[in-house]
Amino acid sequence: MFPFMPAARAKTVFDIPYQRLYQLGFKGLIFDIDQTLVMHGAPATEQVIELFQNLKAIGFQIFLLSNNDEERITQFNQHLSVPFIPLSEKPNPKNFKKDS
């Protein structure tokens, strides 16, 4: 039922060895917002902003895929400036397949 299942897990997104993933050939990252990057309803923290800056510097393309509405994601994305899809109906895979 869920075609995108993790092959590995980390305690938080801040514990992932991103440089290693890039070296292995991963070029893009998709993030959810609430309960992944921040607590539900919280704005982007300095830690998240720094993470995204570092990921862009490594060479990753970053995307936000969230069940939140456009207003919530736009507000969260203010200092991140990455493409996003609101109301994504996760875990439905349809929006994982959209062109960005």
N, C-alpha and C. Protein backbone atom coordinates (compact mmCIF):
# COMPACT_ATOMS: atom_id res chain seq x y z
N MET A 1 0.81 -1.20 0.00
CA MET A 1 0.00 0.00 0.00
C MET A 1 0.85 1.26 0.00
N PHE A 2 1.99 1.24 0.68
CA PHE A 2 2.86 2.42 0.75
C PHE A 2 4.13 2.14 -0.05
N PRO A 3 4.26 2.71 -1.26
CA PRO A 3 5.41 2.40 -2.10
C PRO A 3 6.72 3.04 -1.66
N PHE A 4 6.66 4.01 -0.75
CA PHE A 4 7.87 4.70 -0.32
C PHE A 4 8.12 4.43 1.16
N MET A 5 8.83 3.38 1.42
CA MET A 5 9.15 3.01 2.79
C MET A 5 10.64 3.21 3.02
N PRO A 6 11.02 3.68 4.19
CA PRO A 6 12.45 3.93 4.45
C PRO A 6 13.27 2.65 4.52
N ALA A 7 14.48 2.75 4.00
CA ALA A 7 15.42 1.63 4.10
C ALA A 7 16.25 1.78 5.37
N ALA A 8 16.26 2.98 5.94
CA ALA A 8 17.00 3.26 7.17
C ALA A 8 16.22 4.30 7.95
N ARG A 9 16.53 4.42 9.22
CA ARG A 9 15.86 5.39 10.08
C ARG A 9 16.88 6.17 10.88
N ALA A 10 16.50 7.40 11.25
CA ALA A 10 17.33 8.24 12.12
C ALA A 10 16.42 8.81 13.19
N LYS A 11 16.98 9.15 14.32
CA LYS A 11 16.18 9.70 15.41
C LYS A 11 15.52 11.02 15.00
N THR A 12 16.28 11.90 14.34
CA THR A 12 15.74 13.16 13.83
C THR A 12 16.34 13.43 12.46
N VAL A 13 15.78 14.38 11.74
CA VAL A 13 16.34 14.76 10.44
C VAL A 13 17.72 15.38 10.59
N PHE A 14 18.05 15.81 11.79
CA PHE A 14 19.35 16.44 12.03
C PHE A 14 20.45 15.40 12.27
N ASP A 15 20.06 14.13 12.38
CA ASP A 15 21.01 13.04 12.61
C ASP A 15 21.36 12.26 11.35
N ILE A 16 20.82 12.66 10.23
CA ILE A 16 21.04 11.93 8.98
C ILE A 16 22.38 12.33 8.37
N PRO A 17 23.17 11.37 7.88
CA PRO A 17 24.46 11.68 7.25
C PRO A 17 24.26 12.12 5.79
N TYR A 18 23.83 13.35 5.60
CA TYR A 18 23.47 13.84 4.27
C TYR A 18 24.63 13.82 3.28
N GLN A 19 25.81 14.17 3.73
CA GLN A 19 26.97 14.15 2.82
C GLN A 19 27.16 12.75 2.25
N ARG A 20 27.00 11.76 3.08
CA ARG A 20 27.13 10.36 2.64
C ARG A 20 26.03 10.00 1.64
N LEU A 21 24.81 10.44 1.90
CA LEU A 21 23.71 10.17 0.97
C LEU A 21 24.01 10.77 -0.40
N TYR A 22 24.53 11.99 -0.39
CA TYR A 22 24.86 12.65 -1.66
C TYR A 22 25.95 11.87 -2.40
N GLN A 23 26.94 11.41 -1.66
CA GLN A 23 28.02 10.62 -2.26
C GLN A 23 27.49 9.30 -2.85
N LEU A 24 26.43 8.78 -2.26
CA LEU A 24 25.82 7.55 -2.75
C LEU A 24 24.93 7.77 -3.96
N GLY A 25 24.72 9.04 -4.34
CA GLY A 25 23.95 9.34 -5.53
C GLY A 25 22.59 9.96 -5.31
N PHE A 26 22.20 10.16 -4.06
CA PHE A 26 20.93 10.83 -3.79
C PHE A 26 21.10 12.31 -4.11
N LYS A 27 20.16 12.86 -4.88
CA LYS A 27 20.28 14.26 -5.30
C LYS A 27 19.12 15.13 -4.82
N GLY A 28 18.04 14.52 -4.37
CA GLY A 28 16.88 15.27 -3.92
C GLY A 28 16.35 14.73 -2.60
N LEU A 29 15.75 15.63 -1.83
CA LEU A 29 15.18 15.27 -0.53
C LEU A 29 13.78 15.84 -0.42
N ILE A 30 12.85 15.04 0.07
CA ILE A 30 11.48 15.47 0.31
C ILE A 30 11.24 15.45 1.81
N PHE A 31 10.78 16.58 2.34
CA PHE A 31 10.52 16.69 3.77
C PHE A 31 9.06 17.02 4.03
N ASP A 32 8.51 16.45 5.09
CA ASP A 32 7.25 16.90 5.66
C ASP A 32 7.62 18.00 6.65
N ILE A 33 6.65 18.74 7.12
CA ILE A 33 6.94 19.85 8.05
C ILE A 33 6.67 19.42 9.49
N ASP A 34 5.38 19.31 9.82
CA ASP A 34 4.98 19.07 11.21
C ASP A 34 5.35 17.66 11.66
N GLN A 35 5.97 17.58 12.82
CA GLN A 35 6.42 16.35 13.45
C GLN A 35 7.59 15.71 12.70
N THR A 36 8.16 16.42 11.74
CA THR A 36 9.37 15.96 11.05
C THR A 36 10.46 17.01 11.20
N LEU A 37 10.19 18.22 10.72
CA LEU A 37 11.16 19.32 10.85
C LEU A 37 10.95 20.11 12.13
N VAL A 38 9.69 20.28 12.52
CA VAL A 38 9.35 21.05 13.73
C VAL A 38 8.12 20.43 14.40
N MET A 39 7.84 20.88 15.60
CA MET A 39 6.60 20.48 16.27
C MET A 39 5.42 21.04 15.49
N HIS A 40 4.26 20.41 15.64
CA HIS A 40 3.07 20.80 14.89
C HIS A 40 2.78 22.30 15.03
N GLY A 41 2.67 22.99 13.90
CA GLY A 41 2.30 24.40 13.87
C GLY A 41 3.43 25.38 14.11
N ALA A 42 4.62 24.90 14.42
CA ALA A 42 5.75 25.79 14.73
C ALA A 42 6.36 26.37 13.45
N PRO A 43 6.97 27.55 13.55
CA PRO A 43 7.68 28.12 12.39
C PRO A 43 9.02 27.40 12.18
N ALA A 44 9.63 27.67 11.05
CA ALA A 44 10.97 27.11 10.79
C ALA A 44 11.94 27.66 11.83
N THR A 45 12.68 26.79 12.45
CA THR A 45 13.65 27.19 13.46
C THR A 45 14.99 27.52 12.80
N GLU A 46 15.87 28.15 13.56
CA GLU A 46 17.22 28.42 13.05
C GLU A 46 17.91 27.12 12.66
N GLN A 47 17.66 26.06 13.41
CA GLN A 47 18.26 24.77 13.12
C GLN A 47 17.79 24.24 11.76
N VAL A 48 16.51 24.41 11.46
CA VAL A 48 15.97 23.97 10.17
C VAL A 48 16.53 24.84 9.04
N ILE A 49 16.57 26.15 9.25
CA ILE A 49 17.10 27.06 8.24
C ILE A 49 18.56 26.70 7.93
N GLU A 50 19.35 26.47 8.96
CA GLU A 50 20.75 26.10 8.77
C GLU A 50 20.88 24.75 8.06
N LEU A 51 20.03 23.79 8.43
CA LEU A 51 20.04 22.49 7.77
C LEU A 51 19.80 22.65 6.27
N PHE A 52 18.78 23.42 5.90
CA PHE A 52 18.45 23.59 4.49
C PHE A 52 19.57 24.32 3.75
N GLN A 53 20.19 25.30 4.39
CA GLN A 53 21.33 25.99 3.77
C GLN A 53 22.46 25.00 3.51
N ASN A 54 22.74 24.16 4.48
CA ASN A 54 23.80 23.15 4.32
C ASN A 54 23.46 22.14 3.23
N LEU A 55 22.21 21.71 3.17
CA LEU A 55 21.79 20.75 2.16
C LEU A 55 21.91 21.34 0.76
N LYS A 56 21.52 22.60 0.61
CA LYS A 56 21.66 23.27 -0.68
C LYS A 56 23.14 23.39 -1.06
N ALA A 57 23.99 23.70 -0.09
CA ALA A 57 25.43 23.83 -0.34
C ALA A 57 26.04 22.49 -0.78
N ILE A 58 25.53 21.39 -0.23
CA ILE A 58 26.00 20.06 -0.65
C ILE A 58 25.61 19.81 -2.10
N GLY A 59 24.46 20.33 -2.51
CA GLY A 59 23.99 20.13 -3.88
C GLY A 59 22.61 19.51 -3.99
N PHE A 60 21.96 19.26 -2.87
CA PHE A 60 20.63 18.66 -2.88
C PHE A 60 19.57 19.62 -3.41
N GLN A 61 18.60 19.05 -4.11
CA GLN A 61 17.35 19.75 -4.39
C GLN A 61 16.41 19.36 -3.25
N ILE A 62 15.73 20.34 -2.69
CA ILE A 62 14.89 20.10 -1.52
C ILE A 62 13.45 20.45 -1.86
N PHE A 63 12.53 19.67 -1.32
CA PHE A 63 11.11 19.85 -1.60
C PHE A 63 10.32 19.60 -0.33
N LEU A 64 9.28 20.40 -0.11
CA LEU A 64 8.36 20.18 1.01
C LEU A 64 7.08 19.55 0.47
N LEU A 65 6.66 18.47 1.07
CA LEU A 65 5.42 17.79 0.71
C LEU A 65 4.63 17.65 2.00
N SER A 66 3.50 18.35 2.08
CA SER A 66 2.79 18.43 3.35
C SER A 66 1.28 18.33 3.16
N ASN A 67 0.62 17.81 4.16
CA ASN A 67 -0.83 17.80 4.17
C ASN A 67 -1.39 19.14 4.64
N ASN A 68 -0.53 20.05 5.05
CA ASN A 68 -0.96 21.38 5.47
C ASN A 68 -1.48 22.20 4.29
N ASP A 69 -2.21 23.27 4.61
CA ASP A 69 -2.70 24.15 3.55
C ASP A 69 -1.58 25.08 3.08
N GLU A 70 -1.84 25.76 1.98
CA GLU A 70 -0.81 26.61 1.36
C GLU A 70 -0.36 27.73 2.28
N GLU A 71 -1.27 28.30 3.06
CA GLU A 71 -0.91 29.38 3.98
C GLU A 71 0.12 28.91 5.00
N ARG A 72 -0.10 27.76 5.58
CA ARG A 72 0.83 27.22 6.58
C ARG A 72 2.21 26.97 5.96
N ILE A 73 2.23 26.34 4.79
CA ILE A 73 3.51 26.01 4.17
C ILE A 73 4.23 27.27 3.70
N THR A 74 3.51 28.21 3.14
CA THR A 74 4.13 29.46 2.69
C THR A 74 4.78 30.18 3.86
N GLN A 75 4.08 30.23 4.98
CA GLN A 75 4.63 30.88 6.17
C GLN A 75 5.87 30.14 6.67
N PHE A 76 5.81 28.83 6.72
CA PHE A 76 6.95 28.03 7.17
C PHE A 76 8.14 28.19 6.22
N ASN A 77 7.86 28.27 4.94
CA ASN A 77 8.87 28.28 3.88
C ASN A 77 9.50 29.66 3.66
N GLN A 78 9.06 30.65 4.39
CA GLN A 78 9.50 32.03 4.18
C GLN A 78 11.02 32.18 4.14
N HIS A 79 11.75 31.52 5.02
CA HIS A 79 13.21 31.65 5.07
C HIS A 79 13.93 30.46 4.43
N LEU A 80 13.15 29.53 3.88
CA LEU A 80 13.74 28.34 3.27
C LEU A 80 13.77 28.43 1.75
N SER A 81 12.72 28.99 1.19
CA SER A 81 12.61 29.20 -0.26
C SER A 81 12.83 27.92 -1.07
N VAL A 82 12.02 26.92 -0.78
CA VAL A 82 12.08 25.67 -1.55
C VAL A 82 10.70 25.40 -2.14
N PRO A 83 10.62 24.65 -3.24
CA PRO A 83 9.31 24.31 -3.80
C PRO A 83 8.52 23.43 -2.84
N PHE A 84 7.19 23.48 -2.98
CA PHE A 84 6.33 22.68 -2.09
C PHE A 84 5.02 22.33 -2.77
N ILE A 85 4.37 21.31 -2.24
CA ILE A 85 3.00 20.95 -2.61
C ILE A 85 2.20 20.90 -1.33
N PRO A 86 1.15 21.75 -1.22
CA PRO A 86 0.27 21.69 -0.05
C PRO A 86 -0.81 20.63 -0.25
N LEU A 87 -1.52 20.34 0.82
CA LEU A 87 -2.66 19.41 0.76
C LEU A 87 -2.31 18.16 -0.05
N SER A 88 -1.19 17.56 0.25
CA SER A 88 -0.63 16.50 -0.59
C SER A 88 -1.28 15.13 -0.42
N GLU A 89 -2.15 14.99 0.56
CA GLU A 89 -2.87 13.74 0.79
C GLU A 89 -1.93 12.56 1.07
N LYS A 90 -0.80 12.84 1.74
CA LYS A 90 0.09 11.74 2.12
C LYS A 90 -0.69 10.74 2.97
N PRO A 91 -0.48 9.49 2.80
CA PRO A 91 0.60 8.82 2.07
C PRO A 91 0.29 8.49 0.62
N ASN A 92 -0.77 9.04 0.03
CA ASN A 92 -1.06 8.81 -1.37
C ASN A 92 0.16 9.18 -2.22
N PRO A 93 0.66 8.28 -3.06
CA PRO A 93 1.89 8.55 -3.81
C PRO A 93 1.74 9.52 -4.97
N LYS A 94 0.53 9.99 -5.28
CA LYS A 94 0.33 10.82 -6.48
C LYS A 94 1.22 12.06 -6.50
N ASN A 95 1.38 12.74 -5.37
CA ASN A 95 2.17 13.97 -5.37
C ASN A 95 3.67 13.72 -5.28
N PHE A 96 4.07 12.51 -4.94
CA PHE A 96 5.49 12.17 -4.98
C PHE A 96 5.95 12.09 -6.43
N LYS A 97 5.01 11.90 -7.34
CA LYS A 97 5.35 11.70 -8.74
C LYS A 97 5.20 12.96 -9.57
N LYS A 98 4.72 14.06 -9.01
CA LYS A 98 4.55 15.30 -9.76
C LYS A 98 5.89 15.90 -10.12
N ASP A 99 5.93 16.58 -11.27
CA ASP A 99 7.14 17.32 -11.64
C ASP A 99 7.18 18.60 -10.83
N SER A 100 8.38 18.97 -10.38
CA SER A 100 8.51 20.21 -9.61
C SER A 100 8.92 21.34 -10.51
